[in-house]
Amino acid sequence: MFDFDVVLERDKKSGQVYASVPVLLGCYTYGDTVEEILESIKEAITLHLSLF
């Protein structure tokens, strides 16, 4: 299993949370809660890695 740094940011205007993985270009997701984002970014990482 790999470990990746994930950057979380909250958009002050919309309130949505954005997550990205800096070392995996194009690997990002967004949602309404941190809990939702953490599950979504795990799926995004798995999908991103499956493409290679």
PDB file of N, CA and C in Angstrom:
ATOM      1  N   MET A   1       0.846  -1.176   0.000  1.00  0.00           N
ATOM      2  CA  MET A   1       0.000   0.000   0.000  1.00  0.00           C
ATOM      3  C   MET A   1       0.891   1.238   0.000  1.00  0.00           C
ATOM      4  N   PHE A   2       0.442   2.279  -0.683  1.00  0.00           N
ATOM      5  CA  PHE A   2       1.191   3.524  -0.776  1.00  0.00           C
ATOM      6  C   PHE A   2       0.578   4.571   0.144  1.00  0.00           C
ATOM      7  N   ASP A   3       1.401   5.521   0.539  1.00  0.00           N
ATOM      8  CA  ASP A   3       0.933   6.683   1.293  1.00  0.00           C
ATOM      9  C   ASP A   3       1.129   7.918   0.425  1.00  0.00           C
ATOM     10  N   PHE A   4       0.120   8.759   0.356  1.00  0.00           N
ATOM     11  CA  PHE A   4       0.184   9.985  -0.417  1.00  0.00           C
ATOM     12  C   PHE A   4      -0.229  11.158   0.450  1.00  0.00           C
ATOM     13  N   ASP A   5       0.434  12.297   0.236  1.00  0.00           N
ATOM     14  CA  ASP A   5       0.002  13.530   0.883  1.00  0.00           C
ATOM     15  C   ASP A   5      -1.230  14.036   0.151  1.00  0.00           C
ATOM     16  N   VAL A   6      -2.241  14.420   0.918  1.00  0.00           N
ATOM     17  CA  VAL A   6      -3.481  14.954   0.353  1.00  0.00           C
ATOM     18  C   VAL A   6      -3.650  16.373   0.876  1.00  0.00           C
ATOM     19  N   VAL A   7      -3.930  17.302  -0.027  1.00  0.00           N
ATOM     20  CA  VAL A   7      -4.149  18.695   0.334  1.00  0.00           C
ATOM     21  C   VAL A   7      -5.656  18.949   0.345  1.00  0.00           C
ATOM     22  N   LEU A   8      -6.162  19.443   1.474  1.00  0.00           N
ATOM     23  CA  LEU A   8      -7.579  19.784   1.607  1.00  0.00           C
ATOM     24  C   LEU A   8      -7.721  21.292   1.684  1.00  0.00           C
ATOM     25  N   GLU A   9      -8.689  21.810   0.952  1.00  0.00           N
ATOM     26  CA  GLU A   9      -8.973  23.247   0.979  1.00  0.00           C
ATOM     27  C   GLU A   9     -10.480  23.435   0.981  1.00  0.00           C
ATOM     28  N   ARG A  10     -10.950  24.420   1.743  1.00  0.00           N
ATOM     29  CA  ARG A  10     -12.378  24.735   1.749  1.00  0.00           C
ATOM     30  C   ARG A  10     -12.589  26.036   0.988  1.00  0.00           C
ATOM     31  N   ASP A  11     -13.506  26.006   0.044  1.00  0.00           N
ATOM     32  CA  ASP A  11     -13.864  27.206  -0.702  1.00  0.00           C
ATOM     33  C   ASP A  11     -14.772  28.048   0.191  1.00  0.00           C
ATOM     34  N   LYS A  12     -14.343  29.250   0.517  1.00  0.00           N
ATOM     35  CA  LYS A  12     -15.100  30.096   1.433  1.00  0.00           C
ATOM     36  C   LYS A  12     -16.448  30.508   0.852  1.00  0.00           C
ATOM     37  N   LYS A  13     -16.515  30.647  -0.450  1.00  0.00           N
ATOM     38  CA  LYS A  13     -17.750  31.094  -1.086  1.00  0.00           C
ATOM     39  C   LYS A  13     -18.795  29.982  -1.138  1.00  0.00           C
ATOM     40  N   SER A  14     -18.406  28.805  -1.627  1.00  0.00           N
ATOM     41  CA  SER A  14     -19.363  27.706  -1.794  1.00  0.00           C
ATOM     42  C   SER A  14     -19.439  26.801  -0.571  1.00  0.00           C
ATOM     43  N   GLY A  15     -18.373  26.794   0.259  1.00  0.00           N
ATOM     44  CA  GLY A  15     -18.333  25.924   1.417  1.00  0.00           C
ATOM     45  C   GLY A  15     -17.872  24.510   1.108  1.00  0.00           C
ATOM     46  N   GLN A  16     -17.650  24.212  -0.181  1.00  0.00           N
ATOM     47  CA  GLN A  16     -17.214  22.874  -0.554  1.00  0.00           C
ATOM     48  C   GLN A  16     -15.751  22.654  -0.187  1.00  0.00           C
ATOM     49  N   VAL A  17     -15.416  21.388   0.017  1.00  0.00           N
ATOM     50  CA  VAL A  17     -14.053  20.994   0.345  1.00  0.00           C
ATOM     51  C   VAL A  17     -13.435  20.368  -0.900  1.00  0.00           C
ATOM     52  N   TYR A  18     -12.225  20.789  -1.222  1.00  0.00           N
ATOM     53  CA  TYR A  18     -11.490  20.263  -2.362  1.00  0.00           C
ATOM     54  C   TYR A  18     -10.288  19.487  -1.860  1.00  0.00           C
ATOM     55  N   ALA A  19     -10.014  18.357  -2.496  1.00  0.00           N
ATOM     56  CA  ALA A  19      -8.854  17.548  -2.129  1.00  0.00           C
ATOM     57  C   ALA A  19      -8.053  17.247  -3.380  1.00  0.00           C
ATOM     58  N   SER A  20      -6.737  17.301  -3.245  1.00  0.00           N
ATOM     59  CA  SER A  20      -5.863  16.960  -4.368  1.00  0.00           C
ATOM     60  C   SER A  20      -4.652  16.211  -3.848  1.00  0.00           C
ATOM     61  N   VAL A  21      -4.040  15.452  -4.756  1.00  0.00           N
ATOM     62  CA  VAL A  21      -2.826  14.708  -4.443  1.00  0.00           C
ATOM     63  C   VAL A  21      -1.734  15.293  -5.333  1.00  0.00           C
ATOM     64  N   PRO A  22      -0.864  16.148  -4.778  1.00  0.00           N
ATOM     65  CA  PRO A  22       0.118  16.867  -5.586  1.00  0.00           C
ATOM     66  C   PRO A  22       1.007  15.986  -6.471  1.00  0.00           C
ATOM     67  N   VAL A  23       1.372  14.801  -6.014  1.00  0.00           N
ATOM     68  CA  VAL A  23       2.270  13.963  -6.819  1.00  0.00           C
ATOM     69  C   VAL A  23       1.543  13.185  -7.909  1.00  0.00           C
ATOM     70  N   LEU A  24       0.215  13.201  -7.898  1.00  0.00           N
ATOM     71  CA  LEU A  24      -0.580  12.539  -8.931  1.00  0.00           C
ATOM     72  C   LEU A  24      -1.357  13.613  -9.697  1.00  0.00           C
ATOM     73  N   LEU A  25      -0.743  14.123 -10.732  1.00  0.00           N
ATOM     74  CA  LEU A  25      -1.356  15.216 -11.483  1.00  0.00           C
ATOM     75  C   LEU A  25      -2.743  14.827 -11.986  1.00  0.00           C
ATOM     76  N   GLY A  26      -3.698  15.690 -11.735  1.00  0.00           N
ATOM     77  CA  GLY A  26      -5.061  15.444 -12.171  1.00  0.00           C
ATOM     78  C   GLY A  26      -5.877  14.621 -11.196  1.00  0.00           C
ATOM     79  N   CYS A  27      -5.308  14.270 -10.061  1.00  0.00           N
ATOM     80  CA  CYS A  27      -6.025  13.477  -9.064  1.00  0.00           C
ATOM     81  C   CYS A  27      -6.609  14.431  -8.026  1.00  0.00           C
ATOM     82  N   TYR A  28      -7.900  14.665  -8.133  1.00  0.00           N
ATOM     83  CA  TYR A  28      -8.564  15.571  -7.213  1.00  0.00           C
ATOM     84  C   TYR A  28     -10.044  15.232  -7.139  1.00  0.00           C
ATOM     85  N   THR A  29     -10.697  15.763  -6.130  1.00  0.00           N
ATOM     86  CA  THR A  29     -12.128  15.586  -5.959  1.00  0.00           C
ATOM     87  C   THR A  29     -12.645  16.705  -5.066  1.00  0.00           C
ATOM     88  N   TYR A  30     -13.951  16.794  -4.931  1.00  0.00           N
ATOM     89  CA  TYR A  30     -14.536  17.787  -4.044  1.00  0.00           C
ATOM     90  C   TYR A  30     -15.857  17.282  -3.494  1.00  0.00           C
ATOM     91  N   GLY A  31     -16.308  17.886  -2.406  1.00  0.00           N
ATOM     92  CA  GLY A  31     -17.564  17.498  -1.781  1.00  0.00           C
ATOM     93  C   GLY A  31     -17.940  18.471  -0.692  1.00  0.00           C
ATOM     94  N   ASP A  32     -18.931  18.081   0.087  1.00  0.00           N
ATOM     95  CA  ASP A  32     -19.462  18.984   1.105  1.00  0.00           C
ATOM     96  C   ASP A  32     -18.838  18.822   2.486  1.00  0.00           C
ATOM     97  N   THR A  33     -18.318  17.628   2.790  1.00  0.00           N
ATOM     98  CA  THR A  33     -17.743  17.405   4.113  1.00  0.00           C
ATOM     99  C   THR A  33     -16.363  16.767   3.990  1.00  0.00           C
ATOM    100  N   VAL A  34     -15.579  16.916   5.026  1.00  0.00           N
ATOM    101  CA  VAL A  34     -14.241  16.315   5.042  1.00  0.00           C
ATOM    102  C   VAL A  34     -14.356  14.793   4.983  1.00  0.00           C
ATOM    103  N   GLU A  35     -15.315  14.228   5.702  1.00  0.00           N
ATOM    104  CA  GLU A  35     -15.501  12.776   5.697  1.00  0.00           C
ATOM    105  C   GLU A  35     -15.792  12.268   4.286  1.00  0.00           C
ATOM    106  N   GLU A  36     -16.674  12.956   3.594  1.00  0.00           N
ATOM    107  CA  GLU A  36     -17.023  12.600   2.214  1.00  0.00           C
ATOM    108  C   GLU A  36     -15.794  12.689   1.314  1.00  0.00           C
ATOM    109  N   ILE A  37     -15.020  13.724   1.484  1.00  0.00           N
ATOM    110  CA  ILE A  37     -13.827  13.944   0.665  1.00  0.00           C
ATOM    111  C   ILE A  37     -12.780  12.870   0.901  1.00  0.00           C
ATOM    112  N   LEU A  38     -12.577  12.465   2.136  1.00  0.00           N
ATOM    113  CA  LEU A  38     -11.562  11.459   2.416  1.00  0.00           C
ATOM    114  C   LEU A  38     -11.896  10.134   1.732  1.00  0.00           C
ATOM    115  N   GLU A  39     -13.164   9.765   1.700  1.00  0.00           N
ATOM    116  CA  GLU A  39     -13.567   8.555   0.982  1.00  0.00           C
ATOM    117  C   GLU A  39     -13.403   8.746  -0.524  1.00  0.00           C
ATOM    118  N   SER A  40     -13.795   9.903  -1.020  1.00  0.00           N
ATOM    119  CA  SER A  40     -13.714  10.183  -2.457  1.00  0.00           C
ATOM    120  C   SER A  40     -12.282  10.218  -2.959  1.00  0.00           C
ATOM    121  N   ILE A  41     -11.368  10.796  -2.157  1.00  0.00           N
ATOM    122  CA  ILE A  41      -9.979  10.892  -2.624  1.00  0.00           C
ATOM    123  C   ILE A  41      -9.320   9.522  -2.630  1.00  0.00           C
ATOM    124  N   LYS A  42      -9.720   8.629  -1.719  1.00  0.00           N
ATOM    125  CA  LYS A  42      -9.206   7.254  -1.761  1.00  0.00           C
ATOM    126  C   LYS A  42      -9.608   6.581  -3.074  1.00  0.00           C
ATOM    127  N   GLU A  43     -10.860   6.766  -3.463  1.00  0.00           N
ATOM    128  CA  GLU A  43     -11.343   6.205  -4.725  1.00  0.00           C
ATOM    129  C   GLU A  43     -10.623   6.834  -5.917  1.00  0.00           C
ATOM    130  N   ALA A  44     -10.407   8.138  -5.856  1.00  0.00           N
ATOM    131  CA  ALA A  44      -9.724   8.842  -6.944  1.00  0.00           C
ATOM    132  C   ALA A  44      -8.283   8.349  -7.095  1.00  0.00           C
ATOM    133  N   ILE A  45      -7.604   8.121  -5.976  1.00  0.00           N
ATOM    134  CA  ILE A  45      -6.220   7.614  -6.018  1.00  0.00           C
ATOM    135  C   ILE A  45      -6.201   6.223  -6.633  1.00  0.00           C
ATOM    136  N   THR A  46      -7.110   5.358  -6.197  1.00  0.00           N
ATOM    137  CA  THR A  46      -7.172   4.000  -6.743  1.00  0.00           C
ATOM    138  C   THR A  46      -7.428   4.027  -8.235  1.00  0.00           C
ATOM    139  N   LEU A  47      -8.357   4.831  -8.673  1.00  0.00           N
ATOM    140  CA  LEU A  47      -8.657   4.954 -10.096  1.00  0.00           C
ATOM    141  C   LEU A  47      -7.459   5.505 -10.861  1.00  0.00           C
ATOM    142  N   HIS A  48      -6.850   6.534 -10.330  1.00  0.00           N
ATOM    143  CA  HIS A  48      -5.692   7.153 -10.988  1.00  0.00           C
ATOM    144  C   HIS A  48      -4.570   6.136 -11.177  1.00  0.00           C
ATOM    145  N   LEU A  49      -4.278   5.360 -10.133  1.00  0.00           N
ATOM    146  CA  LEU A  49      -3.204   4.373 -10.215  1.00  0.00           C
ATOM    147  C   LEU A  49      -3.552   3.216 -11.150  1.00  0.00           C
ATOM    148  N   SER A  50      -4.824   2.901 -11.285  1.00  0.00           N
ATOM    149  CA  SER A  50      -5.235   1.800 -12.159  1.00  0.00           C
ATOM    150  C   SER A  50      -5.058   2.154 -13.638  1.00  0.00           C
ATOM    151  N   LEU A  51      -4.917   3.425 -13.937  1.00  0.00           N
ATOM    152  CA  LEU A  51      -4.745   3.867 -15.328  1.00  0.00           C
ATOM    153  C   LEU A  51      -3.331   3.654 -15.836  1.00  0.00           C
ATOM    154  N   PHE A  52      -2.400   3.357 -14.925  1.00  0.00           N
ATOM    155  CA  PHE A  52      -1.000   3.217 -15.326  1.00  0.00           C
ATOM    156  C   PHE A  52      -0.513   1.808 -15.255  1.00  0.00           C
TER     157      PHE A  52
END
